[in-house]
C-alpha atoms as a PDB file:
ATOM      1  CA  MET A   1      97.173 119.649 101.228  1.00  0.00           C
ATOM      2  CA  LYS A   2      96.642 117.761  97.997  1.00  0.00           C
ATOM      3  CA  THR A   3      93.264 116.144  97.401  1.00  0.00           C
ATOM      4  CA  CYS A   4      93.397 112.796  95.628  1.00  0.00           C
ATOM      5  CA  ILE A   5      89.931 111.283  95.874  1.00  0.00           C
ATOM      6  CA  LYS A   6      86.287 112.175  96.077  1.00  0.00           C
ATOM      7  CA  ASN A   7      84.057 111.254  98.970  1.00  0.00           C
ATOM      8  CA  ALA A   8      81.814 109.183  96.718  1.00  0.00           C
ATOM      9  CA  TYR A   9      82.193 105.437  97.165  1.00  0.00           C
ATOM     10  CA  PRO A  10      82.959 104.601  93.487  1.00  0.00           C
ATOM     11  CA  GLY A  11      85.778 107.157  93.564  1.00  0.00           C
ATOM     12  CA  VAL A  12      87.359 105.428  96.540  1.00  0.00           C
ATOM     13  CA  ILE A  13      87.202 102.034  94.853  1.00  0.00           C
ATOM     14  CA  ALA A  14      88.758 103.393  91.675  1.00  0.00           C
ATOM     15  CA  GLN A  15      91.520 105.000  93.699  1.00  0.00           C
ATOM     16  CA  LEU A  16      92.286 101.765  95.538  1.00  0.00           C
ATOM     17  CA  GLN A  17      92.192  99.711  92.352  1.00  0.00           C
ATOM     18  CA  SER A  18      94.850 101.941  90.805  1.00  0.00           C
ATOM     19  CA  ILE A  19      97.365 101.156  93.568  1.00  0.00           C
ATOM     20  CA  PRO A  20      99.724  98.207  92.828  1.00  0.00           C
ATOM     21  CA  GLN A  21      99.614  97.069  96.458  1.00  0.00           C
ATOM     22  CA  PHE A  22      95.836  96.606  96.207  1.00  0.00           C
ATOM     23  CA  GLN A  23      96.109  94.887  92.825  1.00  0.00           C
ATOM     24  CA  ALA A  24      98.552  92.344  94.287  1.00  0.00           C
ATOM     25  CA  LEU A  25      96.074  91.166  96.935  1.00  0.00           C
ATOM     26  CA  ASN A  26      93.861  88.148  96.438  1.00  0.00           C
ATOM     27  CA  ALA A  27      90.145  88.638  95.886  1.00  0.00           C
ATOM     28  CA  VAL A  28      89.194  87.885  99.495  1.00  0.00           C
ATOM     29  CA  ALA A  29      91.665  90.429 100.863  1.00  0.00           C
ATOM     30  CA  ARG A  30      90.481  93.065  98.373  1.00  0.00           C
ATOM     31  CA  ASP A  31      86.841  92.467  99.316  1.00  0.00           C
ATOM     32  CA  ASN A  32      87.711  92.712 103.018  1.00  0.00           C
ATOM     33  CA  ILE A  33      89.409  96.070 102.525  1.00  0.00           C
ATOM     34  CA  ILE A  34      86.470  97.402 100.518  1.00  0.00           C
ATOM     35  CA  ALA A  35      84.054  96.282 103.243  1.00  0.00           C
ATOM     36  CA  MET A  36      86.194  97.835 105.981  1.00  0.00           C
ATOM     37  CA  GLU A  37      86.507 101.096 104.059  1.00  0.00           C
ATOM     38  CA  SER A  38      82.728 101.231 103.849  1.00  0.00           C
ATOM     39  CA  GLU A  39      82.502 100.781 107.631  1.00  0.00           C
ATOM     40  CA  LEU A  40      85.087 103.520 108.138  1.00  0.00           C
ATOM     41  CA  ARG A  41      83.021 105.943 106.052  1.00  0.00           C
ATOM     42  CA  ARG A  42      79.895 105.051 108.023  1.00  0.00           C
ATOM     43  CA  PHE A  43      81.698 105.831 111.270  1.00  0.00           C
ATOM     44  CA  LEU A  44      83.020 109.140 109.973  1.00  0.00           C
ATOM     45  CA  ASN A  45      79.633 110.122 108.568  1.00  0.00           C
ATOM     46  CA  SER A  46      77.986 109.278 111.906  1.00  0.00           C
ATOM     47  CA  LEU A  47      79.801 112.101 113.711  1.00  0.00           C
ATOM     48  CA  HIS A  48      77.208 114.593 114.959  1.00  0.00           C
ATOM     49  CA  THR A  49      79.567 117.408 115.947  1.00  0.00           C
ATOM     50  CA  GLU A  50      79.999 119.568 112.844  1.00  0.00           C
ATOM     51  CA  PRO A  51      83.742 120.349 113.193  1.00  0.00           C
ATOM     52  CA  LEU A  52      84.541 116.657 113.729  1.00  0.00           C
ATOM     53  CA  ARG A  53      82.295 115.623 110.845  1.00  0.00           C
ATOM     54  CA  ASN A  54      84.119 118.174 108.675  1.00  0.00           C
ATOM     55  CA  LEU A  55      87.423 116.731 109.858  1.00  0.00           C
ATOM     56  CA  GLY A  56      86.237 113.282 108.802  1.00  0.00           C
ATOM     57  CA  THR A  57      85.268 114.630 105.388  1.00  0.00           C
ATOM     58  CA  ALA A  58      88.680 116.273 105.027  1.00  0.00           C
ATOM     59  CA  PHE A  59      90.340 112.971 105.931  1.00  0.00           C
ATOM     60  CA  MET A  60      88.334 111.030 103.339  1.00  0.00           C
ATOM     61  CA  ALA A  61      89.286 113.603 100.682  1.00  0.00           C
ATOM     62  CA  SER A  62      92.961 113.699 101.644  1.00  0.00           C
ATOM     63  CA  GLU A  63      96.052 112.203 100.092  1.00  0.00           C
ATOM     64  CA  TYR A  64      96.399 110.011 103.188  1.00  0.00           C
ATOM     65  CA  TYR A  65      93.123 108.138 102.833  1.00  0.00           C
ATOM     66  CA  PRO A  66      93.884 105.464 100.187  1.00  0.00           C
ATOM     67  CA  ASN A  67      97.104 104.415 101.899  1.00  0.00           C
ATOM     68  CA  PHE A  68      95.369 104.448 105.282  1.00  0.00           C
ATOM     69  CA  CYS A  69      93.022 101.796 103.888  1.00  0.00           C
ATOM     70  CA  LEU A  70      95.919  99.643 102.658  1.00  0.00           C
ATOM     71  CA  ALA A  71      98.719 100.148 105.184  1.00  0.00           C
ATOM     72  CA  PRO A  72      99.768  97.611 107.820  1.00  0.00           C
ATOM     73  CA  ALA A  73      99.437  98.590 111.478  1.00  0.00           C
ATOM     74  CA  ALA A  74     102.841  97.231 112.473  1.00  0.00           C
ATOM     75  CA  GLN A  75     105.921  95.524 111.136  1.00  0.00           C
ATOM     76  CA  ARG A  76     105.698  92.486 113.426  1.00  0.00           C
ATOM     77  CA  TYR A  77     103.500  92.481 116.487  1.00  0.00           C
ATOM     78  CA  HIS A  78      99.883  93.026 115.428  1.00  0.00           C
ATOM     79  CA  HIS A  79      97.826  93.581 112.275  1.00  0.00           C
ATOM     80  CA  ASN A  80     101.025  93.327 110.211  1.00  0.00           C
ATOM     81  CA  HIS A  81      99.382  92.894 106.825  1.00  0.00           C
ATOM     82  CA  SER A  82      97.824  94.995 104.079  1.00  0.00           C
ATOM     83  CA  GLY A  83      94.710  96.627 105.482  1.00  0.00           C
ATOM     84  CA  GLY A  84      95.908  96.000 109.029  1.00  0.00           C
ATOM     85  CA  LEU A  85      95.890  99.676 109.969  1.00  0.00           C
ATOM     86  CA  LEU A  86      92.279 100.022 108.847  1.00  0.00           C
ATOM     87  CA  GLU A  87      91.315  96.796 110.629  1.00  0.00           C
ATOM     88  CA  HIS A  88      92.977  97.917 113.878  1.00  0.00           C
ATOM     89  CA  SER A  89      91.483 101.414 113.716  1.00  0.00           C
ATOM     90  CA  LEU A  90      87.993  99.989 113.221  1.00  0.00           C
ATOM     91  CA  GLY A  91      88.509  97.462 116.003  1.00  0.00           C
ATOM     92  CA  THR A  92      89.582 100.217 118.371  1.00  0.00           C
ATOM     93  CA  ALA A  93      86.592 102.326 117.306  1.00  0.00           C
ATOM     94  CA  ARG A  94      84.144  99.495 118.014  1.00  0.00           C
ATOM     95  CA  ILE A  95      85.593  99.046 121.502  1.00  0.00           C
ATOM     96  CA  VAL A  96      85.419 102.736 122.431  1.00  0.00           C
ATOM     97  CA  LEU A  97      81.838 102.985 121.179  1.00  0.00           C
ATOM     98  CA  GLN A  98      80.805 100.084 123.403  1.00  0.00           C
ATOM     99  CA  ILE A  99      82.498 101.731 126.380  1.00  0.00           C
ATOM    100  CA  ALA A 100      80.838 105.065 125.541  1.00  0.00           C
ATOM    101  CA  GLU A 101      77.463 103.293 125.608  1.00  0.00           C
ATOM    102  CA  LEU A 102      78.202 102.107 129.152  1.00  0.00           C
ATOM    103  CA  HIS A 103      79.587 105.426 130.357  1.00  0.00           C
ATOM    104  CA  GLN A 104      77.480 108.297 129.059  1.00  0.00           C
ATOM    105  CA  GLU A 105      79.902 110.947 130.335  1.00  0.00           C
ATOM    106  CA  ILE A 106      82.329 109.978 127.559  1.00  0.00           C
ATOM    107  CA  ASP A 107      82.224 112.302 124.530  1.00  0.00           C
ATOM    108  CA  ARG A 108      81.185 109.828 121.834  1.00  0.00           C
ATOM    109  CA  ASP A 109      82.221 111.922 118.828  1.00  0.00           C
ATOM    110  CA  LEU A 110      85.570 112.897 120.315  1.00  0.00           C
ATOM    111  CA  ILE A 111      86.590 109.378 121.252  1.00  0.00           C
ATOM    112  CA  LEU A 112      85.374 107.917 117.941  1.00  0.00           C
ATOM    113  CA  THR A 113      87.416 110.475 116.001  1.00  0.00           C
ATOM    114  CA  GLY A 114      90.436 109.771 118.168  1.00  0.00           C
ATOM    115  CA  ALA A 115      90.076 106.015 117.730  1.00  0.00           C
ATOM    116  CA  LEU A 116      89.856 106.234 113.948  1.00  0.00           C
ATOM    117  CA  LEU A 117      92.794 108.636 113.592  1.00  0.00           C
ATOM    118  CA  HIS A 118      95.097 107.702 116.480  1.00  0.00           C
ATOM    119  CA  ASP A 119      97.489 105.726 114.253  1.00  0.00           C
ATOM    120  CA  ILE A 120      97.251 107.887 111.135  1.00  0.00           C
ATOM    121  CA  GLY A 121     100.998 108.536 111.324  1.00  0.00           C
ATOM    122  CA  LYS A 122     101.661 104.914 110.379  1.00  0.00           C
ATOM    123  CA  VAL A 123     100.759 105.843 106.804  1.00  0.00           C
ATOM    124  CA  ARG A 124     104.087 107.687 106.698  1.00  0.00           C
ATOM    125  CA  GLU A 125     105.987 105.583 109.241  1.00  0.00           C
ATOM    126  CA  MET A 126     106.002 102.382 107.177  1.00  0.00           C
ATOM    127  CA  GLU A 127     105.756 101.262 103.592  1.00  0.00           C
ATOM    128  CA  GLU A 128     104.971  97.844 102.182  1.00  0.00           C
ATOM    129  CA  ASN A 129     106.353  96.264  99.049  1.00  0.00           C
ATOM    130  CA  GLU A 130     107.509  92.672  99.381  1.00  0.00           C
ATOM    131  CA  SER A 131     107.955  93.302 103.097  1.00  0.00           C
ATOM    132  CA  ILE A 132     107.037  95.964 105.650  1.00  0.00           C
ATOM    133  CA  ILE A 133     109.857  98.444 106.210  1.00  0.00           C
ATOM    134  CA  TYR A 134     110.217 101.698 108.111  1.00  0.00           C
ATOM    135  CA  THR A 135     110.637 104.884 106.114  1.00  0.00           C
ATOM    136  CA  ASP A 136     113.374 107.368 106.949  1.00  0.00           C
ATOM    137  CA  GLU A 137     110.909 109.691 108.670  1.00  0.00           C
ATOM    138  CA  GLY A 138     109.382 106.702 110.404  1.00  0.00           C
ATOM    139  CA  LYS A 139     112.746 105.797 111.904  1.00  0.00           C
ATOM    140  CA  LEU A 140     113.613 109.395 112.759  1.00  0.00           C
ATOM    141  CA  LEU A 141     110.248 110.609 114.062  1.00  0.00           C
ATOM    142  CA  GLY A 142     107.850 107.705 114.593  1.00  0.00           C
ATOM    143  CA  HIS A 143     104.137 107.499 113.972  1.00  0.00           C
ATOM    144  CA  ILE A 144     103.061 109.593 116.957  1.00  0.00           C
ATOM    145  CA  ILE A 145     104.968 112.707 115.885  1.00  0.00           C
ATOM    146  CA  LEU A 146     104.023 112.096 112.256  1.00  0.00           C
ATOM    147  CA  GLY A 147     100.387 111.626 113.258  1.00  0.00           C
ATOM    148  CA  ILE A 148     100.322 114.934 115.123  1.00  0.00           C
ATOM    149  CA  ASP A 149     101.700 116.663 112.032  1.00  0.00           C
ATOM    150  CA  MET A 150      99.151 114.980 109.766  1.00  0.00           C
ATOM    151  CA  LEU A 151      96.244 115.835 112.055  1.00  0.00           C
ATOM    152  CA  GLU A 152      97.385 119.466 112.222  1.00  0.00           C
ATOM    153  CA  ARG A 153      97.315 119.562 108.414  1.00  0.00           C
ATOM    154  CA  LEU A 154      93.855 117.994 108.268  1.00  0.00           C
ATOM    155  CA  MET A 155      92.481 120.582 110.693  1.00  0.00           C
ATOM    156  CA  GLU A 156      93.702 123.527 108.613  1.00  0.00           C
ATOM    157  CA  GLY A 157      90.682 125.527 107.473  1.00  0.00           C
ATOM    158  CA  ILE A 158      88.276 123.685 109.795  1.00  0.00           C
ATOM    159  CA  GLU A 159      86.697 125.643 112.632  1.00  0.00           C
ATOM    160  CA  VAL A 160      87.721 123.378 115.496  1.00  0.00           C
ATOM    161  CA  THR A 161      87.674 124.887 118.972  1.00  0.00           C
ATOM    162  CA  ARG A 162      90.939 125.267 120.839  1.00  0.00           C
ATOM    163  CA  VAL A 163      89.851 122.672 123.399  1.00  0.00           C
ATOM    164  CA  THR A 164      88.808 120.088 120.800  1.00  0.00           C
ATOM    165  CA  ARG A 165      91.972 120.661 118.788  1.00  0.00           C
ATOM    166  CA  ASN A 166      94.173 120.176 121.841  1.00  0.00           C
ATOM    167  CA  LYS A 167      92.253 117.088 122.920  1.00  0.00           C
ATOM    168  CA  LEU A 168      92.558 115.417 119.509  1.00  0.00           C
ATOM    169  CA  LEU A 169      96.280 116.122 119.343  1.00  0.00           C
ATOM    170  CA  HIS A 170      96.732 114.880 122.910  1.00  0.00           C
ATOM    171  CA  MET A 171      94.915 111.644 122.089  1.00  0.00           C
ATOM    172  CA  ILE A 172      97.503 110.916 119.424  1.00  0.00           C
ATOM    173  CA  ALA A 173     100.347 112.009 121.699  1.00  0.00           C
ATOM    174  CA  SER A 174      99.189 109.840 124.610  1.00  0.00           C
ATOM    175  CA  HIS A 175      97.654 106.735 123.045  1.00  0.00           C
ATOM    176  CA  HIS A 176     100.616 104.504 123.945  1.00  0.00           C
ATOM    177  CA  GLY A 177      99.884 105.396 127.542  1.00  0.00           C
ATOM    178  CA  HIS A 178     103.365 105.242 129.079  1.00  0.00           C
ATOM    179  CA  TYR A 179     106.639 107.071 128.570  1.00  0.00           C
ATOM    180  CA  GLU A 180     108.517 103.759 128.353  1.00  0.00           C
ATOM    181  CA  TRP A 181     106.214 102.800 125.461  1.00  0.00           C
ATOM    182  CA  GLN A 182     107.396 105.849 123.488  1.00  0.00           C
ATOM    183  CA  SER A 183     104.380 107.944 124.450  1.00  0.00           C
ATOM    184  CA  PRO A 184     105.418 111.604 124.798  1.00  0.00           C
ATOM    185  CA  LYS A 185     102.464 112.191 127.136  1.00  0.00           C
ATOM    186  CA  LYS A 186     100.360 110.097 129.486  1.00  0.00           C
ATOM    187  CA  PRO A 187      96.574 110.331 129.033  1.00  0.00           C
ATOM    188  CA  LYS A 188      95.261 113.394 130.864  1.00  0.00           C
ATOM    189  CA  PHE A 189      91.488 113.136 130.353  1.00  0.00           C
ATOM    190  CA  LEU A 190      88.926 110.362 130.258  1.00  0.00           C
ATOM    191  CA  GLU A 191      88.605 109.864 126.502  1.00  0.00           C
ATOM    192  CA  ALA A 192      92.388 109.754 126.080  1.00  0.00           C
ATOM    193  CA  LYS A 193      92.698 107.062 128.765  1.00  0.00           C
ATOM    194  CA  VAL A 194      89.894 104.978 127.289  1.00  0.00           C
ATOM    195  CA  LEU A 195      91.473 105.267 123.838  1.00  0.00           C
ATOM    196  CA  HIS A 196      94.812 104.019 125.173  1.00  0.00           C
ATOM    197  CA  LEU A 197      93.167 100.992 126.782  1.00  0.00           C
ATOM    198  CA  ALA A 198      91.034 100.206 123.725  1.00  0.00           C
ATOM    199  CA  ASP A 199      94.047 100.511 121.420  1.00  0.00           C
ATOM    200  CA  MET A 200      95.979  98.079 123.596  1.00  0.00           C
ATOM    201  CA  MET A 201      93.018  95.713 123.907  1.00  0.00           C
ATOM    202  CA  ASP A 202      92.455  95.459 120.156  1.00  0.00           C
ATOM    203  CA  ALA A 203      96.148  94.771 119.538  1.00  0.00           C
ATOM    204  CA  GLU A 204      96.297  92.105 122.262  1.00  0.00           C
ATOM    205  CA  ILE A 205      93.162  90.352 121.011  1.00  0.00           C
ATOM    206  CA  TRP A 206      94.681  90.198 117.526  1.00  0.00           C
ATOM    207  CA  LYS A 207      97.813  88.525 118.925  1.00  0.00           C
ATOM    208  CA  PHE A 208      95.813  85.814 120.655  1.00  0.00           C
ATOM    209  CA  LYS A 209      93.655  85.245 117.568  1.00  0.00           C
ATOM    210  CA  ALA A 210      96.856  84.872 115.538  1.00  0.00           C
ATOM    211  CA  ALA A 211      98.068  82.289 118.051  1.00  0.00           C
ATOM    212  CA  GLN A 212      94.796  80.384 117.673  1.00  0.00           C
ATOM    213  CA  ALA A 213      95.205  80.309 113.900  1.00  0.00           C
ATOM    214  CA  LEU A 214      98.828  79.155 114.074  1.00  0.00           C
ATOM    215  CA  GLY A 215      98.039  76.425 116.592  1.00  0.00           C
ATOM    216  CA  GLU A 216      94.784  75.220 115.081  1.00  0.00           C
ATOM    217  CA  GLY A 217      94.193  71.570 115.950  1.00  0.00           C
ATOM    218  CA  SER A 218      96.744  71.592 118.769  1.00  0.00           C
ATOM    219  CA  ALA A 219      96.485  72.120 122.504  1.00  0.00           C
ATOM    220  CA  TRP A 220      99.108  74.861 122.395  1.00  0.00           C
ATOM    221  CA  SER A 221     100.182  77.473 119.893  1.00  0.00           C
ATOM    222  CA  PRO A 222     103.812  77.876 118.897  1.00  0.00           C
ATOM    223  CA  TYR A 223     105.803  80.308 121.032  1.00  0.00           C
ATOM    224  CA  MET A 224     104.440  83.768 120.282  1.00  0.00           C
ATOM    225  CA  ARG A 225     107.132  86.405 120.481  1.00  0.00           C
ATOM    226  CA  SER A 226     104.546  89.193 120.593  1.00  0.00           C
ATOM    227  CA  ILE A 227     102.924  87.607 123.663  1.00  0.00           C
ATOM    228  CA  GLY A 228     106.033  86.184 125.305  1.00  0.00           C
ATOM    229  CA  SER A 229     104.669  82.654 125.679  1.00  0.00           C
ATOM    230  CA  GLU A 230     102.748  79.848 124.066  1.00  0.00           C
ATOM    231  CA  VAL A 231      98.961  80.144 124.166  1.00  0.00           C
ATOM    232  CA  TYR A 232      96.710  77.425 125.550  1.00  0.00           C
ATOM    233  CA  LEU A 233      94.116  76.486 122.936  1.00  0.00           C
ATOM    234  CA  GLU A 234      92.372  73.360 124.196  1.00  0.00           C
ATOM    235  CA  LYS A 235      88.584  73.700 124.546  1.00  0.00           C
END
């Protein structure tokens, strides 16, 4: 696996600044991405379990990392903008950490790693120029299969136990939660189920916040295709 960046913060910024997609953003959007990338590194560096911390280090030093910070999370329905994938991954991570605080039996490091990496396949599923389009492998395989492949590559050379490896891969495979939602597996352990629910919650909250922005000053938002209705906004 090719290494493109260093773990040091200035190296990340230089890498991002060299990408045309980042250069095309306005100053506010660039600052937001830099701030979110810093939060992502803090989360990854907070992992106490050595194999998972090493996995986080491998991710930050990988060819995937710069595009992960810039990619959209979807073409239409949620976080469909530059930096949307990073924003959604962080939002999901914040939710699972709050749940892990309430339920101590949840493996904090496992679920945090799963939350941050569950959508990693979207780096290869979509590309953004003037619009967000699906790549050939995105159309043929989808982000779940691509994400499993990418996670397998990241774990090469890292001493991850068989159980942890299988759990991380399953969390990617099952995070959509239902077969009819293109999930090849349903969640089969607690952290996988919580990840699915947190992933869905963060996406749904984004949709309603988008409706609030579009309908600002009105009692109702426009019809939101992603929600299937208008949204009531009066306070």
